[in-house]
Amino acid sequence: MYRTIEEFMRNWNHEANSTQKVMDVLTDASLNQEVVQGHRTLGELAWHIITSLHDMMSKTGLIFDAVGSHGSQVPASAKEFGNSFRQSSESMIAAIKQQWTDESLKEINVIHGENWPNGLTLFILNCHLIHHRGQMTVLMRQAGLKVPGVYGPSQEEWAEYGLLKQTD
């Protein structure tokens, strides 16, 4: 649980930037990649991340403009994902800075049937982002996309650096 807005911002900036890198690699052809039939596609996962920002944070009373909403049509253009995530994230951050103080993080709202302080909601939002971004990277590899490094170089980046140990 975050106790200060600054603490959240430090984490969010890293995670949102990493997620932005992943969103920006998507291609139109990759959006329909799925791990198995009947599970979310790469495009559906990306759109879920984007729409979750507003869906979750609006339950706290935070007011901001965001792209799409839960259940809205998944875009067909990969470019829309990167732009939509950037726009929604920046709008959410601006709203938090304008509408909340550190004391706001203690306010409790009912989310998913439970009483969550806003600081916990921000923590869970960040974890949710990380969780689905990880799923996206698996589907990206299956779709033949180059996965960007998040917490260090990806396998593809190690190979570019000439540091990937080849196994026979």
C-alpha atoms as a PDB file:
ATOM      1  CA  MET A   1       0.000   0.000   0.000  1.00  0.00           C
ATOM      2  CA  TYR A   2       1.304   3.424  -0.907  1.00  0.00           C
ATOM      3  CA  ARG A   3       1.466   6.009   1.880  1.00  0.00           C
ATOM      4  CA  THR A   4       2.483   8.976  -0.267  1.00  0.00           C
ATOM      5  CA  ILE A   5       1.684  10.068  -3.785  1.00  0.00           C
ATOM      6  CA  GLU A   6       5.415  10.478  -4.439  1.00  0.00           C
ATOM      7  CA  GLU A   7       5.997   6.830  -3.510  1.00  0.00           C
ATOM      8  CA  PHE A   8       3.324   5.765  -5.998  1.00  0.00           C
ATOM      9  CA  MET A   9       4.679   8.078  -8.701  1.00  0.00           C
ATOM     10  CA  ARG A  10       8.178   6.584  -8.444  1.00  0.00           C
ATOM     11  CA  ASN A  11       6.790   3.079  -8.976  1.00  0.00           C
ATOM     12  CA  TRP A  12       4.203   4.085 -11.557  1.00  0.00           C
ATOM     13  CA  ASN A  13       6.687   6.002 -13.684  1.00  0.00           C
ATOM     14  CA  HIS A  14       8.904   2.935 -14.047  1.00  0.00           C
ATOM     15  CA  GLU A  15       6.054   0.472 -14.614  1.00  0.00           C
ATOM     16  CA  ALA A  16       4.104   2.740 -16.972  1.00  0.00           C
ATOM     17  CA  ASN A  17       7.242   3.454 -19.015  1.00  0.00           C
ATOM     18  CA  SER A  18       7.945  -0.282 -19.253  1.00  0.00           C
ATOM     19  CA  THR A  19       4.355  -0.958 -20.265  1.00  0.00           C
ATOM     20  CA  GLN A  20       4.533   1.833 -22.831  1.00  0.00           C
ATOM     21  CA  LYS A  21       7.576   0.144 -24.408  1.00  0.00           C
ATOM     22  CA  VAL A  22       5.603  -3.108 -24.659  1.00  0.00           C
ATOM     23  CA  MET A  23       2.532  -1.366 -26.116  1.00  0.00           C
ATOM     24  CA  ASP A  24       4.657   0.445 -28.691  1.00  0.00           C
ATOM     25  CA  VAL A  25       6.058  -2.834 -30.088  1.00  0.00           C
ATOM     26  CA  LEU A  26       2.631  -4.267 -30.968  1.00  0.00           C
ATOM     27  CA  THR A  27       1.770  -4.744 -34.625  1.00  0.00           C
ATOM     28  CA  ASP A  28      -1.621  -5.080 -36.250  1.00  0.00           C
ATOM     29  CA  ALA A  29      -0.801  -8.687 -37.161  1.00  0.00           C
ATOM     30  CA  SER A  30       0.118  -9.562 -33.539  1.00  0.00           C
ATOM     31  CA  LEU A  31      -3.130  -8.397 -31.936  1.00  0.00           C
ATOM     32  CA  ASN A  32      -4.949 -11.712 -32.499  1.00  0.00           C
ATOM     33  CA  GLN A  33      -2.188 -13.850 -30.948  1.00  0.00           C
ATOM     34  CA  GLU A  34      -3.552 -16.040 -28.153  1.00  0.00           C
ATOM     35  CA  VAL A  35      -1.902 -18.631 -25.946  1.00  0.00           C
ATOM     36  CA  VAL A  36      -4.802 -21.060 -26.447  1.00  0.00           C
ATOM     37  CA  GLN A  37      -8.177 -20.676 -28.076  1.00  0.00           C
ATOM     38  CA  GLY A  38     -10.722 -18.996 -25.867  1.00  0.00           C
ATOM     39  CA  HIS A  39      -8.222 -16.995 -23.819  1.00  0.00           C
ATOM     40  CA  ARG A  40      -7.559 -13.293 -24.213  1.00  0.00           C
ATOM     41  CA  THR A  41      -5.637 -12.311 -27.313  1.00  0.00           C
ATOM     42  CA  LEU A  42      -2.639 -10.014 -27.156  1.00  0.00           C
ATOM     43  CA  GLY A  43      -4.858  -7.139 -28.267  1.00  0.00           C
ATOM     44  CA  GLU A  44      -7.495  -7.972 -25.662  1.00  0.00           C
ATOM     45  CA  LEU A  45      -4.861  -8.071 -22.902  1.00  0.00           C
ATOM     46  CA  ALA A  46      -3.440  -4.716 -23.985  1.00  0.00           C
ATOM     47  CA  TRP A  47      -6.905  -3.167 -24.145  1.00  0.00           C
ATOM     48  CA  HIS A  48      -7.755  -4.621 -20.723  1.00  0.00           C
ATOM     49  CA  ILE A  49      -4.698  -2.896 -19.228  1.00  0.00           C
ATOM     50  CA  ILE A  50      -5.666   0.401 -20.833  1.00  0.00           C
ATOM     51  CA  THR A  51      -9.327   0.346 -19.839  1.00  0.00           C
ATOM     52  CA  SER A  52      -8.566  -0.882 -16.317  1.00  0.00           C
ATOM     53  CA  LEU A  53      -6.915   2.426 -15.455  1.00  0.00           C
ATOM     54  CA  HIS A  54     -10.214   4.285 -15.599  1.00  0.00           C
ATOM     55  CA  ASP A  55     -12.393   1.375 -14.562  1.00  0.00           C
ATOM     56  CA  MET A  56     -10.503   0.843 -11.318  1.00  0.00           C
ATOM     57  CA  MET A  57      -9.628   4.425 -10.475  1.00  0.00           C
ATOM     58  CA  SER A  58     -13.109   5.806 -11.154  1.00  0.00           C
ATOM     59  CA  LYS A  59     -14.284   3.650  -8.221  1.00  0.00           C
ATOM     60  CA  THR A  60     -12.164   5.864  -5.961  1.00  0.00           C
ATOM     61  CA  GLY A  61     -13.916   8.995  -7.200  1.00  0.00           C
ATOM     62  CA  LEU A  62     -10.908  10.121  -9.244  1.00  0.00           C
ATOM     63  CA  ILE A  63     -12.122  12.058 -12.275  1.00  0.00           C
ATOM     64  CA  PHE A  64     -10.058  11.960 -15.468  1.00  0.00           C
ATOM     65  CA  ASP A  65     -10.379  11.405 -19.198  1.00  0.00           C
ATOM     66  CA  ALA A  66      -9.386   7.954 -20.358  1.00  0.00           C
ATOM     67  CA  VAL A  67      -9.653   5.989 -23.551  1.00  0.00           C
ATOM     68  CA  GLY A  68     -12.222   3.209 -23.696  1.00  0.00           C
ATOM     69  CA  SER A  69     -13.982   1.392 -20.903  1.00  0.00           C
ATOM     70  CA  HIS A  70     -14.404  -2.189 -19.761  1.00  0.00           C
ATOM     71  CA  GLY A  71     -16.215  -4.066 -22.509  1.00  0.00           C
ATOM     72  CA  SER A  72     -15.555  -1.463 -25.195  1.00  0.00           C
ATOM     73  CA  GLN A  73     -14.460  -2.524 -28.672  1.00  0.00           C
ATOM     74  CA  VAL A  74     -10.802  -3.536 -28.940  1.00  0.00           C
ATOM     75  CA  PRO A  75      -9.080  -1.362 -31.572  1.00  0.00           C
ATOM     76  CA  ALA A  76      -7.873  -3.019 -34.775  1.00  0.00           C
ATOM     77  CA  SER A  77      -4.809  -0.772 -35.080  1.00  0.00           C
ATOM     78  CA  ALA A  78      -1.773  -1.481 -32.909  1.00  0.00           C
ATOM     79  CA  LYS A  79      -0.841   2.211 -32.974  1.00  0.00           C
ATOM     80  CA  GLU A  80      -4.008   2.984 -31.001  1.00  0.00           C
ATOM     81  CA  PHE A  81      -2.806   0.884 -28.063  1.00  0.00           C
ATOM     82  CA  GLY A  82       0.372   2.869 -27.476  1.00  0.00           C
ATOM     83  CA  ASN A  83      -1.409   6.194 -27.890  1.00  0.00           C
ATOM     84  CA  SER A  84      -4.336   5.138 -25.705  1.00  0.00           C
ATOM     85  CA  PHE A  85      -2.161   3.872 -22.858  1.00  0.00           C
ATOM     86  CA  ARG A  86      -0.035   7.029 -22.924  1.00  0.00           C
ATOM     87  CA  GLN A  87      -3.090   9.294 -22.920  1.00  0.00           C
ATOM     88  CA  SER A  88      -4.944   7.429 -20.171  1.00  0.00           C
ATOM     89  CA  SER A  89      -1.883   7.098 -17.935  1.00  0.00           C
ATOM     90  CA  GLU A  90      -0.927  10.769 -18.273  1.00  0.00           C
ATOM     91  CA  SER A  91      -4.495  11.853 -17.608  1.00  0.00           C
ATOM     92  CA  MET A  92      -4.720   9.622 -14.521  1.00  0.00           C
ATOM     93  CA  ILE A  93      -1.416  10.947 -13.130  1.00  0.00           C
ATOM     94  CA  ALA A  94      -2.463  14.564 -13.701  1.00  0.00           C
ATOM     95  CA  ALA A  95      -5.763  13.895 -11.904  1.00  0.00           C
ATOM     96  CA  ILE A  96      -4.042  12.264  -8.934  1.00  0.00           C
ATOM     97  CA  LYS A  97      -1.674  15.227  -8.589  1.00  0.00           C
ATOM     98  CA  GLN A  98      -4.540  17.699  -8.851  1.00  0.00           C
ATOM     99  CA  GLN A  99      -7.277  15.939  -6.873  1.00  0.00           C
ATOM    100  CA  TRP A 100      -5.445  13.992  -4.170  1.00  0.00           C
ATOM    101  CA  THR A 101      -3.057  14.593  -1.304  1.00  0.00           C
ATOM    102  CA  ASP A 102      -1.178  12.019   0.748  1.00  0.00           C
ATOM    103  CA  GLU A 103      -4.179  12.009   3.100  1.00  0.00           C
ATOM    104  CA  SER A 104      -6.403  10.926   0.180  1.00  0.00           C
ATOM    105  CA  LEU A 105      -4.528   7.626   0.095  1.00  0.00           C
ATOM    106  CA  LYS A 106      -6.142   6.711   3.419  1.00  0.00           C
ATOM    107  CA  GLU A 107      -9.708   7.229   2.124  1.00  0.00           C
ATOM    108  CA  ILE A 108     -11.609   3.973   1.782  1.00  0.00           C
ATOM    109  CA  ASN A 109     -13.813   2.920  -1.126  1.00  0.00           C
ATOM    110  CA  VAL A 110     -15.620  -0.302  -1.904  1.00  0.00           C
ATOM    111  CA  ILE A 111     -13.805  -2.001  -4.760  1.00  0.00           C
ATOM    112  CA  HIS A 112     -14.641  -5.531  -5.849  1.00  0.00           C
ATOM    113  CA  GLY A 113     -16.822  -5.846  -2.742  1.00  0.00           C
ATOM    114  CA  GLU A 114     -14.015  -5.001  -0.321  1.00  0.00           C
ATOM    115  CA  ASN A 115     -13.003  -1.850   1.559  1.00  0.00           C
ATOM    116  CA  TRP A 116      -9.770  -0.604   0.012  1.00  0.00           C
ATOM    117  CA  PRO A 117      -7.854   2.517   0.994  1.00  0.00           C
ATOM    118  CA  ASN A 118      -6.862   4.501  -2.101  1.00  0.00           C
ATOM    119  CA  GLY A 119      -3.205   3.685  -1.392  1.00  0.00           C
ATOM    120  CA  LEU A 120      -4.052  -0.023  -1.705  1.00  0.00           C
ATOM    121  CA  THR A 121      -6.032   0.591  -4.890  1.00  0.00           C
ATOM    122  CA  LEU A 122      -2.979   2.256  -6.448  1.00  0.00           C
ATOM    123  CA  PHE A 123      -0.789  -0.659  -5.343  1.00  0.00           C
ATOM    124  CA  ILE A 124      -3.178  -3.213  -6.844  1.00  0.00           C
ATOM    125  CA  LEU A 125      -3.485  -1.155 -10.049  1.00  0.00           C
ATOM    126  CA  ASN A 126       0.294  -1.282 -10.401  1.00  0.00           C
ATOM    127  CA  CYS A 127       0.391  -5.054  -9.695  1.00  0.00           C
ATOM    128  CA  HIS A 128      -2.414  -5.586 -12.210  1.00  0.00           C
ATOM    129  CA  LEU A 129      -0.421  -3.699 -14.835  1.00  0.00           C
ATOM    130  CA  ILE A 130       2.691  -5.799 -14.162  1.00  0.00           C
ATOM    131  CA  HIS A 131       0.753  -9.075 -14.202  1.00  0.00           C
ATOM    132  CA  HIS A 132      -0.889  -8.507 -17.575  1.00  0.00           C
ATOM    133  CA  ARG A 133       2.232  -6.971 -19.100  1.00  0.00           C
ATOM    134  CA  GLY A 134       4.010 -10.244 -18.290  1.00  0.00           C
ATOM    135  CA  GLN A 135       1.284 -12.181 -20.070  1.00  0.00           C
ATOM    136  CA  MET A 136       1.656  -9.871 -23.037  1.00  0.00           C
ATOM    137  CA  THR A 137       5.384 -10.579 -23.366  1.00  0.00           C
ATOM    138  CA  VAL A 138       4.721 -14.312 -23.722  1.00  0.00           C
ATOM    139  CA  LEU A 139       2.194 -13.682 -26.496  1.00  0.00           C
ATOM    140  CA  MET A 140       4.543 -11.198 -28.132  1.00  0.00           C
ATOM    141  CA  ARG A 141       7.244 -13.872 -28.407  1.00  0.00           C
ATOM    142  CA  GLN A 142       4.727 -16.311 -29.854  1.00  0.00           C
ATOM    143  CA  ALA A 143       3.773 -13.645 -32.399  1.00  0.00           C
ATOM    144  CA  GLY A 144       7.433 -13.182 -33.355  1.00  0.00           C
ATOM    145  CA  LEU A 145       7.801  -9.700 -31.857  1.00  0.00           C
ATOM    146  CA  LYS A 146      10.949  -8.427 -30.200  1.00  0.00           C
ATOM    147  CA  VAL A 147      10.230  -8.121 -26.481  1.00  0.00           C
ATOM    148  CA  PRO A 148      11.678  -4.975 -24.896  1.00  0.00           C
ATOM    149  CA  GLY A 149      13.557  -5.249 -21.618  1.00  0.00           C
ATOM    150  CA  VAL A 150      11.583  -4.321 -18.525  1.00  0.00           C
ATOM    151  CA  TYR A 151      13.689  -5.087 -15.436  1.00  0.00           C
ATOM    152  CA  GLY A 152      16.848  -5.474 -17.463  1.00  0.00           C
ATOM    153  CA  PRO A 153      17.646  -6.629 -20.983  1.00  0.00           C
ATOM    154  CA  SER A 154      15.328  -9.137 -22.642  1.00  0.00           C
ATOM    155  CA  GLN A 155      16.714 -12.241 -24.324  1.00  0.00           C
ATOM    156  CA  GLU A 156      16.537 -10.446 -27.657  1.00  0.00           C
ATOM    157  CA  GLU A 157      18.494  -7.487 -26.277  1.00  0.00           C
ATOM    158  CA  TRP A 158      21.155  -9.771 -24.749  1.00  0.00           C
ATOM    159  CA  ALA A 159      21.535 -11.351 -28.189  1.00  0.00           C
ATOM    160  CA  GLU A 160      21.952  -7.902 -29.785  1.00  0.00           C
ATOM    161  CA  TYR A 161      24.694  -7.124 -27.257  1.00  0.00           C
ATOM    162  CA  GLY A 162      26.420 -10.382 -28.199  1.00  0.00           C
ATOM    163  CA  LEU A 163      26.079 -11.629 -24.633  1.00  0.00           C
ATOM    164  CA  LEU A 164      23.517 -14.387 -25.071  1.00  0.00           C
ATOM    165  CA  LYS A 165      25.086 -17.752 -24.419  1.00  0.00           C
ATOM    166  CA  GLN A 166      24.021 -20.111 -27.179  1.00  0.00           C
ATOM    167  CA  THR A 167      23.092 -23.674 -26.242  1.00  0.00           C
ATOM    168  CA  ASP A 168      23.456 -26.600 -28.632  1.00  0.00           C
END
